[in-house]
Amino acid sequence: METFEYIVNEKGERRAVIVPYNIFKELMELAEDTIDISLIKEVKNEQYLDWEEVKREFRKAGKID
């Protein structure tokens, strides 16, 4: 089992924690997945733009060749 180390203040209150790198990495991946899922849910019902139409509009505006 992985162990955690705590950094405490002068009153003995936990102020920070040191976690093993492999657990930190897993937590970061979970956080990123959670953010991705949240963003997907946020834009799920938005209307999308057709890529070819976007390129036509940019060409028409002179922003691309």
Protein backbone atom coordinates (compact mmCIF):
# COMPACT_ATOMS: atom_id res chain seq x y z
CA MET A 1 0.00 0.00 0.00
CA GLU A 2 1.20 3.49 -0.85
CA THR A 3 1.83 5.87 2.00
CA PHE A 4 1.21 9.56 2.20
CA GLU A 5 3.28 12.10 4.08
CA TYR A 6 1.69 15.15 5.64
CA ILE A 7 3.20 18.54 6.19
CA VAL A 8 1.80 20.12 9.32
CA ASN A 9 1.95 23.59 10.78
CA GLU A 10 3.14 24.44 14.27
CA LYS A 11 -0.29 23.46 15.67
CA GLY A 12 -0.06 20.02 14.09
CA GLU A 13 -2.75 20.81 11.51
CA ARG A 14 -2.28 19.20 8.12
CA ARG A 15 -1.42 21.85 5.55
CA ALA A 16 -0.14 19.77 2.62
CA VAL A 17 0.33 16.19 1.55
CA ILE A 18 3.07 14.41 -0.33
CA VAL A 19 1.70 11.64 -2.53
CA PRO A 20 3.60 9.02 -4.47
CA TYR A 21 4.12 10.04 -8.09
CA ASN A 22 2.08 7.17 -9.56
CA ILE A 23 -0.96 8.20 -7.50
CA PHE A 24 -0.45 11.86 -8.42
CA LYS A 25 -0.32 10.90 -12.10
CA GLU A 26 -3.55 8.89 -11.82
CA LEU A 27 -5.28 11.77 -10.04
CA MET A 28 -4.20 14.21 -12.75
CA GLU A 29 -5.49 11.89 -15.49
CA LEU A 30 -8.83 11.55 -13.68
CA ALA A 31 -9.06 15.32 -13.30
CA GLU A 32 -8.31 15.83 -17.00
CA ASP A 33 -10.91 13.21 -17.97
CA THR A 34 -13.48 14.90 -15.75
CA ILE A 35 -12.78 18.27 -17.36
CA ASP A 36 -13.02 16.72 -20.85
CA ILE A 37 -16.36 15.09 -20.04
CA SER A 38 -17.65 18.37 -18.63
CA LEU A 39 -16.63 20.25 -21.79
CA ILE A 40 -18.20 17.62 -24.02
CA LYS A 41 -21.48 17.88 -22.11
CA GLU A 42 -21.30 21.67 -22.38
CA VAL A 43 -21.04 21.71 -26.19
CA LYS A 44 -22.97 18.53 -26.95
CA ASN A 45 -26.09 20.35 -28.13
CA GLU A 46 -24.35 23.22 -29.88
CA GLN A 47 -24.69 23.57 -33.60
CA TYR A 48 -21.54 22.58 -35.43
CA LEU A 49 -20.02 24.22 -38.47
CA ASP A 50 -19.23 22.30 -41.60
CA TRP A 51 -15.46 22.51 -42.22
CA GLU A 52 -15.87 23.06 -45.96
CA GLU A 53 -18.27 25.93 -45.30
CA VAL A 54 -15.82 27.50 -42.85
CA LYS A 55 -13.04 27.32 -45.45
CA ARG A 56 -15.32 28.90 -48.07
CA GLU A 57 -16.16 31.75 -45.72
CA PHE A 58 -12.48 32.34 -44.91
CA ARG A 59 -11.58 32.36 -48.60
CA LYS A 60 -14.42 34.75 -49.33
CA ALA A 61 -13.16 37.05 -46.56
CA GLY A 62 -9.61 36.82 -47.93
CA LYS A 63 -8.23 35.23 -44.80
CA ILE A 64 -6.93 32.12 -46.56
CA ASP A 65 -6.05 31.21 -50.13
